[in-house]
C-alpha atoms as a PDB file:
ATOM      1  CA  UNK A   1       0.041  -0.011  -0.009  1.00  0.00           C
ATOM      2  CA  UNK A   2       2.860   2.385   0.926  1.00  0.00           C
ATOM      3  CA  UNK A   3       4.676   1.480  -2.077  1.00  0.00           C
ATOM      4  CA  UNK A   4       1.942   2.346  -4.441  1.00  0.00           C
ATOM      5  CA  UNK A   5       1.504   5.800  -2.930  1.00  0.00           C
ATOM      6  CA  UNK A   6       5.250   6.533  -3.372  1.00  0.00           C
ATOM      7  CA  UNK A   7       4.982   5.537  -7.070  1.00  0.00           C
ATOM      8  CA  UNK A   8       2.099   7.764  -7.735  1.00  0.00           C
ATOM      9  CA  UNK A   9       3.534  10.887  -6.040  1.00  0.00           C
ATOM     10  CA  UNK A  10       6.038  12.065  -8.699  1.00  0.00           C
ATOM     11  CA  UNK A  11       3.309  11.769 -11.412  1.00  0.00           C
ATOM     12  CA  UNK A  12       1.130  14.184  -9.329  1.00  0.00           C
ATOM     13  CA  UNK A  13       3.968  16.621  -8.681  1.00  0.00           C
ATOM     14  CA  UNK A  14       4.681  16.702 -12.468  1.00  0.00           C
ATOM     15  CA  UNK A  15       1.017  17.539 -13.279  1.00  0.00           C
ATOM     16  CA  UNK A  16       1.041  20.508 -10.710  1.00  0.00           C
ATOM     17  CA  UNK A  17       4.250  22.001 -12.218  1.00  0.00           C
ATOM     18  CA  UNK A  18       3.067  21.545 -15.752  1.00  0.00           C
ATOM     19  CA  UNK A  19      -0.215  23.306 -15.059  1.00  0.00           C
ATOM     20  CA  UNK A  20       1.622  26.290 -13.390  1.00  0.00           C
ATOM     21  CA  UNK A  21       4.099  26.785 -16.101  1.00  0.00           C
ATOM     22  CA  UNK A  22       1.967  25.834 -19.090  1.00  0.00           C
ATOM     23  CA  UNK A  23      -0.894  28.297 -18.323  1.00  0.00           C
ATOM     24  CA  UNK A  24      -2.301  29.806 -21.651  1.00  0.00           C
ATOM     25  CA  UNK A  25      -2.097  33.402 -22.058  1.00  0.00           C
ATOM     26  CA  UNK A  26      -3.894  35.567 -24.687  1.00  0.00           C
ATOM     27  CA  UNK A  27      -2.656  39.024 -25.573  1.00  0.00           C
ATOM     28  CA  UNK A  28      -5.076  41.305 -27.692  1.00  0.00           C
ATOM     29  CA  UNK A  29      -3.190  44.331 -28.583  1.00  0.00           C
ATOM     30  CA  UNK A  30      -5.271  47.569 -28.552  1.00  0.00           C
ATOM     31  CA  UNK A  31      -5.411  49.520 -31.862  1.00  0.00           C
ATOM     32  CA  UNK A  32      -5.109  52.964 -30.394  1.00  0.00           C
ATOM     33  CA  UNK A  33      -4.409  54.093 -26.826  1.00  0.00           C
ATOM     34  CA  UNK A  34      -4.330  57.494 -25.115  1.00  0.00           C
ATOM     35  CA  UNK A  35      -2.470  57.607 -21.835  1.00  0.00           C
ATOM     36  CA  UNK A  36      -1.358  60.108 -19.150  1.00  0.00           C
ATOM     37  CA  UNK A  37       2.349  60.890 -19.608  1.00  0.00           C
ATOM     38  CA  UNK A  38       4.123  58.087 -17.837  1.00  0.00           C
ATOM     39  CA  UNK A  39       6.074  54.856 -18.481  1.00  0.00           C
ATOM     40  CA  UNK A  40       4.107  52.307 -20.602  1.00  0.00           C
ATOM     41  CA  UNK A  41       3.251  48.933 -19.252  1.00  0.00           C
ATOM     42  CA  UNK A  42       2.005  45.983 -21.358  1.00  0.00           C
ATOM     43  CA  UNK A  43      -1.397  46.222 -19.606  1.00  0.00           C
ATOM     44  CA  UNK A  44      -1.872  49.790 -20.981  1.00  0.00           C
ATOM     45  CA  UNK A  45      -1.731  48.755 -24.555  1.00  0.00           C
ATOM     46  CA  UNK A  46      -3.177  45.243 -24.593  1.00  0.00           C
ATOM     47  CA  UNK A  47      -6.022  43.152 -23.046  1.00  0.00           C
ATOM     48  CA  UNK A  48      -4.365  40.185 -21.340  1.00  0.00           C
ATOM     49  CA  UNK A  49      -6.341  37.030 -20.237  1.00  0.00           C
ATOM     50  CA  UNK A  50      -4.920  34.258 -18.137  1.00  0.00           C
ATOM     51  CA  UNK A  51      -6.423  31.968 -15.421  1.00  0.00           C
ATOM     52  CA  UNK A  52      -3.383  32.511 -13.223  1.00  0.00           C
ATOM     53  CA  UNK A  53      -3.837  35.857 -11.349  1.00  0.00           C
ATOM     54  CA  UNK A  54      -0.156  36.129 -10.352  1.00  0.00           C
ATOM     55  CA  UNK A  55       1.009  35.371 -13.958  1.00  0.00           C
ATOM     56  CA  UNK A  56      -1.549  37.900 -15.204  1.00  0.00           C
ATOM     57  CA  UNK A  57      -0.371  40.624 -13.019  1.00  0.00           C
ATOM     58  CA  UNK A  58       3.212  39.838 -13.782  1.00  0.00           C
ATOM     59  CA  UNK A  59       2.508  40.154 -17.673  1.00  0.00           C
ATOM     60  CA  UNK A  60       0.335  43.277 -17.282  1.00  0.00           C
ATOM     61  CA  UNK A  61       3.167  45.065 -15.429  1.00  0.00           C
ATOM     62  CA  UNK A  62       5.960  44.319 -18.045  1.00  0.00           C
ATOM     63  CA  UNK A  63       7.575  47.751 -18.817  1.00  0.00           C
ATOM     64  CA  UNK A  64       7.421  48.670 -22.532  1.00  0.00           C
ATOM     65  CA  UNK A  65       8.745  52.224 -22.571  1.00  0.00           C
ATOM     66  CA  UNK A  66       7.729  55.925 -22.232  1.00  0.00           C
ATOM     67  CA  UNK A  67       4.718  57.747 -23.709  1.00  0.00           C
ATOM     68  CA  UNK A  68       5.497  60.173 -26.512  1.00  0.00           C
ATOM     69  CA  UNK A  69       5.536  63.909 -26.273  1.00  0.00           C
ATOM     70  CA  UNK A  70       2.079  65.541 -26.329  1.00  0.00           C
ATOM     71  CA  UNK A  71       1.021  65.853 -29.936  1.00  0.00           C
ATOM     72  CA  UNK A  72       3.190  62.879 -31.141  1.00  0.00           C
ATOM     73  CA  UNK A  73       2.331  59.206 -31.552  1.00  0.00           C
ATOM     74  CA  UNK A  74       4.354  56.235 -30.584  1.00  0.00           C
ATOM     75  CA  UNK A  75       3.794  52.981 -32.614  1.00  0.00           C
ATOM     76  CA  UNK A  76       4.554  49.767 -30.539  1.00  0.00           C
ATOM     77  CA  UNK A  77       4.862  46.666 -32.664  1.00  0.00           C
ATOM     78  CA  UNK A  78       4.127  43.130 -31.476  1.00  0.00           C
ATOM     79  CA  UNK A  79       7.820  42.331 -31.915  1.00  0.00           C
ATOM     80  CA  UNK A  80       8.515  44.805 -29.128  1.00  0.00           C
ATOM     81  CA  UNK A  81       5.952  42.948 -26.809  1.00  0.00           C
ATOM     82  CA  UNK A  82       7.673  39.550 -27.628  1.00  0.00           C
ATOM     83  CA  UNK A  83      11.095  40.913 -26.793  1.00  0.00           C
ATOM     84  CA  UNK A  84       9.794  42.194 -23.456  1.00  0.00           C
ATOM     85  CA  UNK A  85       8.174  38.747 -22.679  1.00  0.00           C
ATOM     86  CA  UNK A  86      11.374  36.928 -23.380  1.00  0.00           C
ATOM     87  CA  UNK A  87      13.246  39.289 -21.085  1.00  0.00           C
ATOM     88  CA  UNK A  88      10.805  38.458 -18.398  1.00  0.00           C
ATOM     89  CA  UNK A  89      11.249  34.717 -18.924  1.00  0.00           C
ATOM     90  CA  UNK A  90       7.700  34.055 -20.200  1.00  0.00           C
ATOM     91  CA  UNK A  91       7.434  30.921 -22.326  1.00  0.00           C
ATOM     92  CA  UNK A  92       6.278  32.079 -25.750  1.00  0.00           C
ATOM     93  CA  UNK A  93       4.621  28.634 -26.572  1.00  0.00           C
ATOM     94  CA  UNK A  94       2.043  29.442 -24.076  1.00  0.00           C
ATOM     95  CA  UNK A  95       1.107  32.892 -25.661  1.00  0.00           C
ATOM     96  CA  UNK A  96      -1.451  33.514 -28.262  1.00  0.00           C
ATOM     97  CA  UNK A  97      -2.261  36.887 -29.924  1.00  0.00           C
ATOM     98  CA  UNK A  98      -5.238  38.598 -31.563  1.00  0.00           C
ATOM     99  CA  UNK A  99      -5.266  39.996 -34.967  1.00  0.00           C
ATOM    100  CA  UNK A 100      -3.968  43.503 -34.153  1.00  0.00           C
ATOM    101  CA  UNK A 101      -0.136  43.642 -34.546  1.00  0.00           C
ATOM    102  CA  UNK A 102       0.620  47.127 -33.154  1.00  0.00           C
ATOM    103  CA  UNK A 103      -0.681  49.866 -30.930  1.00  0.00           C
ATOM    104  CA  UNK A 104      -0.628  53.637 -31.575  1.00  0.00           C
ATOM    105  CA  UNK A 105       0.066  55.359 -28.240  1.00  0.00           C
ATOM    106  CA  UNK A 106      -0.608  59.151 -27.733  1.00  0.00           C
ATOM    107  CA  UNK A 107      -0.543  61.075 -24.453  1.00  0.00           C
ATOM    108  CA  UNK A 108      -3.387  63.001 -22.702  1.00  0.00           C
ATOM    109  CA  UNK A 109      -2.793  66.558 -23.341  1.00  0.00           C
ATOM    110  CA  UNK A 110      -4.149  70.142 -22.996  1.00  0.00           C
ATOM    111  CA  UNK A 111      -3.797  72.764 -25.641  1.00  0.00           C
ATOM    112  CA  UNK A 112      -2.383  76.315 -25.144  1.00  0.00           C
ATOM    113  CA  UNK A 113      -3.680  78.237 -28.078  1.00  0.00           C
ATOM    114  CA  UNK A 114      -1.172  80.210 -30.079  1.00  0.00           C
ATOM    115  CA  UNK A 115      -3.474  83.227 -29.906  1.00  0.00           C
ATOM    116  CA  UNK A 116      -3.274  83.011 -26.059  1.00  0.00           C
ATOM    117  CA  UNK A 117       0.599  82.985 -26.168  1.00  0.00           C
ATOM    118  CA  UNK A 118       0.466  85.882 -28.568  1.00  0.00           C
ATOM    119  CA  UNK A 119      -1.880  87.831 -26.258  1.00  0.00           C
ATOM    120  CA  UNK A 120       0.377  87.257 -23.233  1.00  0.00           C
ATOM    121  CA  UNK A 121       3.405  88.496 -25.091  1.00  0.00           C
ATOM    122  CA  UNK A 122       1.497  91.647 -26.280  1.00  0.00           C
ATOM    123  CA  UNK A 123       0.389  92.331 -22.824  1.00  0.00           C
ATOM    124  CA  UNK A 124       4.030  92.157 -21.582  1.00  0.00           C
ATOM    125  CA  UNK A 125       5.233  94.489 -24.340  1.00  0.00           C
ATOM    126  CA  UNK A 126       2.565  97.324 -24.247  1.00  0.00           C
ATOM    127  CA  UNK A 127       3.550  98.871 -20.899  1.00  0.00           C
ATOM    128  CA  UNK A 128       7.289  98.806 -21.886  1.00  0.00           C
ATOM    129  CA  UNK A 129       6.457 100.715 -25.133  1.00  0.00           C
ATOM    130  CA  UNK A 130       3.936 103.177 -23.794  1.00  0.00           C
ATOM    131  CA  UNK A 131       4.875 106.801 -24.000  1.00  0.00           C
ATOM    132  CA  UNK A 132       2.018 109.431 -24.008  1.00  0.00           C
ATOM    133  CA  UNK A 133       3.535 111.584 -26.631  1.00  0.00           C
ATOM    134  CA  UNK A 134       3.679 108.888 -29.329  1.00  0.00           C
ATOM    135  CA  UNK A 135       1.392 106.254 -30.924  1.00  0.00           C
ATOM    136  CA  UNK A 136       2.412 102.660 -31.037  1.00  0.00           C
ATOM    137  CA  UNK A 137       0.978  99.872 -33.400  1.00  0.00           C
ATOM    138  CA  UNK A 138       1.983  96.231 -32.601  1.00  0.00           C
ATOM    139  CA  UNK A 139       1.793  93.961 -35.684  1.00  0.00           C
ATOM    140  CA  UNK A 140       2.294  90.202 -35.856  1.00  0.00           C
ATOM    141  CA  UNK A 141       2.351  88.148 -39.186  1.00  0.00           C
ATOM    142  CA  UNK A 142       4.063  85.132 -37.574  1.00  0.00           C
ATOM    143  CA  UNK A 143       1.747  84.140 -34.615  1.00  0.00           C
ATOM    144  CA  UNK A 144       2.963  80.899 -32.746  1.00  0.00           C
ATOM    145  CA  UNK A 145       1.227  77.633 -33.354  1.00  0.00           C
ATOM    146  CA  UNK A 146      -0.906  75.954 -30.598  1.00  0.00           C
ATOM    147  CA  UNK A 147       1.206  74.039 -28.016  1.00  0.00           C
ATOM    148  CA  UNK A 148       0.300  70.754 -26.336  1.00  0.00           C
ATOM    149  CA  UNK A 149       1.162  70.061 -22.740  1.00  0.00           C
ATOM    150  CA  UNK A 150       0.703  66.866 -20.697  1.00  0.00           C
ATOM    151  CA  UNK A 151      -2.621  66.882 -18.999  1.00  0.00           C
ATOM    152  CA  UNK A 152      -2.911  67.153 -15.175  1.00  0.00           C
ATOM    153  CA  UNK A 153       0.853  67.682 -14.807  1.00  0.00           C
ATOM    154  CA  UNK A 154       0.592  70.600 -12.478  1.00  0.00           C
ATOM    155  CA  UNK A 155       0.116  74.369 -12.431  1.00  0.00           C
ATOM    156  CA  UNK A 156       0.840  76.067 -15.815  1.00  0.00           C
ATOM    157  CA  UNK A 157       2.526  79.414 -15.753  1.00  0.00           C
ATOM    158  CA  UNK A 158       3.768  81.679 -18.659  1.00  0.00           C
ATOM    159  CA  UNK A 159       6.850  84.006 -18.316  1.00  0.00           C
ATOM    160  CA  UNK A 160       7.645  86.562 -21.061  1.00  0.00           C
ATOM    161  CA  UNK A 161      10.939  88.188 -21.641  1.00  0.00           C
ATOM    162  CA  UNK A 162      12.448  90.327 -24.522  1.00  0.00           C
ATOM    163  CA  UNK A 163      15.530  89.287 -26.449  1.00  0.00           C
ATOM    164  CA  UNK A 164      16.794  92.912 -26.885  1.00  0.00           C
ATOM    165  CA  UNK A 165      15.390  94.928 -24.021  1.00  0.00           C
ATOM    166  CA  UNK A 166      16.517  98.251 -25.639  1.00  0.00           C
ATOM    167  CA  UNK A 167      14.659  97.845 -28.893  1.00  0.00           C
ATOM    168  CA  UNK A 168      11.406  99.664 -29.089  1.00  0.00           C
ATOM    169  CA  UNK A 169      10.478  99.722 -32.783  1.00  0.00           C
ATOM    170  CA  UNK A 170      10.890  97.581 -35.886  1.00  0.00           C
ATOM    171  CA  UNK A 171      11.372  93.799 -35.507  1.00  0.00           C
ATOM    172  CA  UNK A 172      11.122  92.717 -31.897  1.00  0.00           C
ATOM    173  CA  UNK A 173      11.544  89.270 -30.513  1.00  0.00           C
ATOM    174  CA  UNK A 174      10.168  87.910 -27.253  1.00  0.00           C
ATOM    175  CA  UNK A 175      10.437  84.530 -25.616  1.00  0.00           C
ATOM    176  CA  UNK A 176       7.452  82.973 -23.829  1.00  0.00           C
ATOM    177  CA  UNK A 177       8.644  80.236 -21.372  1.00  0.00           C
ATOM    178  CA  UNK A 178       5.960  77.820 -20.450  1.00  0.00           C
ATOM    179  CA  UNK A 179       6.477  76.304 -16.991  1.00  0.00           C
ATOM    180  CA  UNK A 180       4.803  73.319 -15.296  1.00  0.00           C
ATOM    181  CA  UNK A 181       5.029  73.497 -11.438  1.00  0.00           C
ATOM    182  CA  UNK A 182       7.707  76.115 -11.855  1.00  0.00           C
ATOM    183  CA  UNK A 183       9.874  73.979 -14.018  1.00  0.00           C
ATOM    184  CA  UNK A 184      10.620  75.062 -17.593  1.00  0.00           C
ATOM    185  CA  UNK A 185       8.730  72.843 -20.121  1.00  0.00           C
ATOM    186  CA  UNK A 186       8.805  74.808 -23.502  1.00  0.00           C
ATOM    187  CA  UNK A 187      10.184  78.003 -24.858  1.00  0.00           C
ATOM    188  CA  UNK A 188       8.084  79.798 -27.607  1.00  0.00           C
ATOM    189  CA  UNK A 189       9.621  82.552 -29.711  1.00  0.00           C
ATOM    190  CA  UNK A 190       7.146  85.346 -30.518  1.00  0.00           C
ATOM    191  CA  UNK A 191       7.793  88.086 -33.251  1.00  0.00           C
ATOM    192  CA  UNK A 192       6.207  91.569 -33.471  1.00  0.00           C
ATOM    193  CA  UNK A 193       6.802  94.494 -35.734  1.00  0.00           C
ATOM    194  CA  UNK A 194       6.460  97.782 -33.880  1.00  0.00           C
ATOM    195  CA  UNK A 195       5.397 100.972 -35.730  1.00  0.00           C
ATOM    196  CA  UNK A 196       5.955 104.259 -34.061  1.00  0.00           C
ATOM    197  CA  UNK A 197       4.332 107.584 -34.870  1.00  0.00           C
ATOM    198  CA  UNK A 198       5.576 110.736 -33.336  1.00  0.00           C
ATOM    199  CA  UNK A 199       5.073 114.493 -33.513  1.00  0.00           C
ATOM    200  CA  UNK A 200       8.398 115.823 -34.903  1.00  0.00           C
ATOM    201  CA  UNK A 201       9.738 118.748 -36.855  1.00  0.00           C
ATOM    202  CA  UNK A 202       9.471 118.278 -40.642  1.00  0.00           C
ATOM    203  CA  UNK A 203      10.050 120.647 -43.602  1.00  0.00           C
ATOM    204  CA  UNK A 204       6.877 122.376 -44.980  1.00  0.00           C
ATOM    205  CA  UNK A 205       8.519 123.268 -48.320  1.00  0.00           C
ATOM    206  CA  UNK A 206      11.582 122.452 -50.206  1.00  0.00           C
ATOM    207  CA  UNK A 207      14.806 123.818 -48.455  1.00  0.00           C
ATOM    208  CA  UNK A 208      17.786 124.126 -50.753  1.00  0.00           C
ATOM    209  CA  UNK A 209      21.214 122.898 -49.949  1.00  0.00           C
ATOM    210  CA  UNK A 210      22.905 125.336 -47.472  1.00  0.00           C
ATOM    211  CA  UNK A 211      19.518 126.844 -46.835  1.00  0.00           C
ATOM    212  CA  UNK A 212      18.938 128.216 -43.383  1.00  0.00           C
ATOM    213  CA  UNK A 213      16.120 126.771 -41.286  1.00  0.00           C
ATOM    214  CA  UNK A 214      13.542 129.162 -40.030  1.00  0.00           C
ATOM    215  CA  UNK A 215      10.155 129.061 -38.314  1.00  0.00           C
ATOM    216  CA  UNK A 216       8.552 129.535 -41.817  1.00  0.00           C
ATOM    217  CA  UNK A 217      10.188 126.641 -43.493  1.00  0.00           C
ATOM    218  CA  UNK A 218       9.462 124.098 -40.654  1.00  0.00           C
ATOM    219  CA  UNK A 219       6.397 122.482 -39.178  1.00  0.00           C
ATOM    220  CA  UNK A 220       5.335 119.945 -36.548  1.00  0.00           C
ATOM    221  CA  UNK A 221       3.657 116.839 -38.059  1.00  0.00           C
ATOM    222  CA  UNK A 222       2.847 113.357 -36.733  1.00  0.00           C
ATOM    223  CA  UNK A 223       4.836 110.924 -39.011  1.00  0.00           C
ATOM    224  CA  UNK A 224       5.963 107.271 -38.688  1.00  0.00           C
ATOM    225  CA  UNK A 225       9.487 107.327 -37.244  1.00  0.00           C
ATOM    226  CA  UNK A 226       9.936 103.485 -37.168  1.00  0.00           C
ATOM    227  CA  UNK A 227      12.607 103.414 -39.669  1.00  0.00           C
ATOM    228  CA  UNK A 228      14.143 106.933 -39.210  1.00  0.00           C
ATOM    229  CA  UNK A 229      17.903 106.878 -38.627  1.00  0.00           C
ATOM    230  CA  UNK A 230      19.313 109.503 -36.489  1.00  0.00           C
ATOM    231  CA  UNK A 231      18.101 111.997 -33.855  1.00  0.00           C
ATOM    232  CA  UNK A 232      14.699 113.748 -34.612  1.00  0.00           C
ATOM    233  CA  UNK A 233      13.473 117.068 -33.189  1.00  0.00           C
ATOM    234  CA  UNK A 234      10.269 117.905 -31.379  1.00  0.00           C
ATOM    235  CA  UNK A 235      10.777 121.660 -31.157  1.00  0.00           C
ATOM    236  CA  UNK A 236      11.505 123.960 -34.153  1.00  0.00           C
ATOM    237  CA  UNK A 237      13.474 126.356 -31.990  1.00  0.00           C
ATOM    238  CA  UNK A 238      16.086 123.701 -31.562  1.00  0.00           C
ATOM    239  CA  UNK A 239      16.840 123.898 -35.300  1.00  0.00           C
ATOM    240  CA  UNK A 240      16.670 127.656 -35.942  1.00  0.00           C
ATOM    241  CA  UNK A 241      19.682 129.057 -37.628  1.00  0.00           C
ATOM    242  CA  UNK A 242      21.013 125.579 -38.718  1.00  0.00           C
ATOM    243  CA  UNK A 243      21.520 124.853 -42.432  1.00  0.00           C
ATOM    244  CA  UNK A 244      20.580 121.982 -44.685  1.00  0.00           C
ATOM    245  CA  UNK A 245      23.687 120.093 -45.912  1.00  0.00           C
ATOM    246  CA  UNK A 246      21.559 118.704 -48.774  1.00  0.00           C
ATOM    247  CA  UNK A 247      18.193 119.582 -50.382  1.00  0.00           C
ATOM    248  CA  UNK A 248      15.281 118.701 -48.107  1.00  0.00           C
ATOM    249  CA  UNK A 249      11.967 117.856 -49.858  1.00  0.00           C
ATOM    250  CA  UNK A 250       8.678 119.136 -48.416  1.00  0.00           C
ATOM    251  CA  UNK A 251       7.246 117.143 -45.487  1.00  0.00           C
ATOM    252  CA  UNK A 252      10.560 115.468 -44.780  1.00  0.00           C
ATOM    253  CA  UNK A 253      11.545 114.672 -41.161  1.00  0.00           C
ATOM    254  CA  UNK A 254      14.468 116.801 -40.220  1.00  0.00           C
ATOM    255  CA  UNK A 255      17.123 114.727 -38.392  1.00  0.00           C
ATOM    256  CA  UNK A 256      20.533 115.606 -37.077  1.00  0.00           C
ATOM    257  CA  UNK A 257      22.239 113.943 -40.054  1.00  0.00           C
ATOM    258  CA  UNK A 258      20.940 116.294 -42.553  1.00  0.00           C
ATOM    259  CA  UNK A 259      21.615 119.629 -40.871  1.00  0.00           C
ATOM    260  CA  UNK A 260      24.641 121.384 -39.397  1.00  0.00           C
ATOM    261  CA  UNK A 261      25.575 124.849 -38.078  1.00  0.00           C
ATOM    262  CA  UNK A 262      26.470 127.337 -40.767  1.00  0.00           C
ATOM    263  CA  UNK A 263      30.015 128.733 -40.747  1.00  0.00           C
ATOM    264  CA  UNK A 264      30.486 131.909 -38.706  1.00  0.00           C
ATOM    265  CA  UNK A 265      33.180 133.006 -41.153  1.00  0.00           C
ATOM    266  CA  UNK A 266      32.887 132.300 -44.869  1.00  0.00           C
ATOM    267  CA  UNK A 267      35.593 131.885 -47.311  1.00  0.00           C
ATOM    268  CA  UNK A 268      36.845 135.354 -48.592  1.00  0.00           C
ATOM    269  CA  UNK A 269      35.630 137.170 -45.509  1.00  0.00           C
ATOM    270  CA  UNK A 270      37.882 139.919 -44.105  1.00  0.00           C
ATOM    271  CA  UNK A 271      38.783 139.158 -40.619  1.00  0.00           C
ATOM    272  CA  UNK A 272      40.800 140.343 -37.613  1.00  0.00           C
ATOM    273  CA  UNK A 273      43.917 138.294 -36.828  1.00  0.00           C
ATOM    274  CA  UNK A 274      45.061 138.230 -33.202  1.00  0.00           C
ATOM    275  CA  UNK A 275      48.513 137.136 -32.281  1.00  0.00           C
ATOM    276  CA  UNK A 276      49.716 136.773 -28.681  1.00  0.00           C
ATOM    277  CA  UNK A 277      53.326 136.063 -27.661  1.00  0.00           C
ATOM    278  CA  UNK A 278      53.996 136.473 -24.016  1.00  0.00           C
ATOM    279  CA  UNK A 279      52.739 139.974 -23.129  1.00  0.00           C
ATOM    280  CA  UNK A 280      52.726 141.059 -26.762  1.00  0.00           C
ATOM    281  CA  UNK A 281      49.376 141.442 -28.331  1.00  0.00           C
ATOM    282  CA  UNK A 282      49.182 142.118 -32.103  1.00  0.00           C
ATOM    283  CA  UNK A 283      46.165 142.769 -34.180  1.00  0.00           C
ATOM    284  CA  UNK A 284      46.240 142.701 -37.989  1.00  0.00           C
ATOM    285  CA  UNK A 285      43.954 142.191 -40.944  1.00  0.00           C
ATOM    286  CA  UNK A 286      43.501 139.005 -42.851  1.00  0.00           C
ATOM    287  CA  UNK A 287      41.181 137.084 -45.159  1.00  0.00           C
ATOM    288  CA  UNK A 288      39.583 133.632 -44.594  1.00  0.00           C
ATOM    289  CA  UNK A 289      40.794 131.093 -47.215  1.00  0.00           C
ATOM    290  CA  UNK A 290      38.046 128.558 -46.175  1.00  0.00           C
ATOM    291  CA  UNK A 291      34.743 128.456 -44.260  1.00  0.00           C
ATOM    292  CA  UNK A 292      35.163 128.565 -40.519  1.00  0.00           C
ATOM    293  CA  UNK A 293      33.219 127.272 -37.685  1.00  0.00           C
ATOM    294  CA  UNK A 294      33.285 128.492 -34.069  1.00  0.00           C
ATOM    295  CA  UNK A 295      36.228 126.871 -32.298  1.00  0.00           C
ATOM    296  CA  UNK A 296      37.611 125.174 -35.328  1.00  0.00           C
ATOM    297  CA  UNK A 297      40.990 125.696 -37.097  1.00  0.00           C
ATOM    298  CA  UNK A 298      40.972 127.380 -40.573  1.00  0.00           C
ATOM    299  CA  UNK A 299      43.496 128.540 -43.116  1.00  0.00           C
ATOM    300  CA  UNK A 300      43.948 132.322 -43.388  1.00  0.00           C
ATOM    301  CA  UNK A 301      46.089 134.865 -45.060  1.00  0.00           C
ATOM    302  CA  UNK A 302      47.821 137.953 -43.579  1.00  0.00           C
ATOM    303  CA  UNK A 303      47.094 140.833 -45.870  1.00  0.00           C
ATOM    304  CA  UNK A 304      50.163 142.781 -44.617  1.00  0.00           C
ATOM    305  CA  UNK A 305      52.710 139.964 -45.018  1.00  0.00           C
ATOM    306  CA  UNK A 306      50.789 138.044 -47.661  1.00  0.00           C
ATOM    307  CA  UNK A 307      51.556 134.771 -45.619  1.00  0.00           C
ATOM    308  CA  UNK A 308      49.174 131.942 -45.127  1.00  0.00           C
ATOM    309  CA  UNK A 309      48.611 130.955 -41.588  1.00  0.00           C
ATOM    310  CA  UNK A 310      46.322 128.708 -39.365  1.00  0.00           C
ATOM    311  CA  UNK A 311      44.164 130.030 -36.561  1.00  0.00           C
ATOM    312  CA  UNK A 312      41.271 129.247 -34.344  1.00  0.00           C
ATOM    313  CA  UNK A 313      37.875 130.887 -35.155  1.00  0.00           C
ATOM    314  CA  UNK A 314      36.960 133.073 -32.063  1.00  0.00           C
ATOM    315  CA  UNK A 315      33.828 134.634 -33.350  1.00  0.00           C
ATOM    316  CA  UNK A 316      32.355 135.809 -36.691  1.00  0.00           C
ATOM    317  CA  UNK A 317      35.173 138.330 -37.394  1.00  0.00           C
ATOM    318  CA  UNK A 318      38.032 137.131 -35.373  1.00  0.00           C
ATOM    319  CA  UNK A 319      40.782 134.459 -35.658  1.00  0.00           C
ATOM    320  CA  UNK A 320      43.495 133.677 -33.146  1.00  0.00           C
ATOM    321  CA  UNK A 321      46.803 132.532 -34.469  1.00  0.00           C
ATOM    322  CA  UNK A 322      48.182 129.341 -33.136  1.00  0.00           C
ATOM    323  CA  UNK A 323      51.943 129.572 -32.565  1.00  0.00           C
END
């Protein structure tokens, strides 16, 4: 009796082991899956059926990889699943599959519209550009595209900065930083074109080259100054007595580059020549050989000696000889 029991025991043990290790598993891959941003496990992308609860849990929790970035799709082929099953020591003979051979995985996301990003950048820029005496128009022909962020990942915050903080007209670039829970997630460049209109001094009629600026040939007009190079003027009085260094057409903004001060001494003018040597002061007559500006050195001719000298212009009729 005891001998028969011992003979039957190995056969019973064999049947128990075989049942545990030969459990049939069916894996039905899902066609499309949308997940929160995380690591993907096999149970996320397939329906797994098995009568052994512990084996079922083990297979469901096999790591496959990471979810894609928001707005992207990751394709997971059956071959990848097979490779992960082999890594986990699962007997492939016991696995059967459904008809689907791959899963397309996307991530749950929320959308930040490009128009919202543009508005935040504009709101940042407006106070920096505001000046009561001028008009500003902000244009954008390159609005940013909508941006996708992982859903339920925390508090979203937008921070805006300007690339060139000193630029207040023309092409201006800003950077909008999108933060999730105070950590930088994305940088979005935003481009504006800033038009500026100001009340400045312009010509109200044609001014010839070397013409003197007067209250009658100047006016104050609102014009676009976006592309104007050089210093402009808001008061006509600041330009009185200056001369045009080239012809100025009507309604032209008058800038520092197109005017200068007229010479106080003109070529051919008779002048007084002052010479000082120690305590000796000599005054004689001369003639200017070139136009002279206050404080500048010009070439002159002594009428008495007929010699050419160089002197510093003191005023509209006097030159001091430099020894």
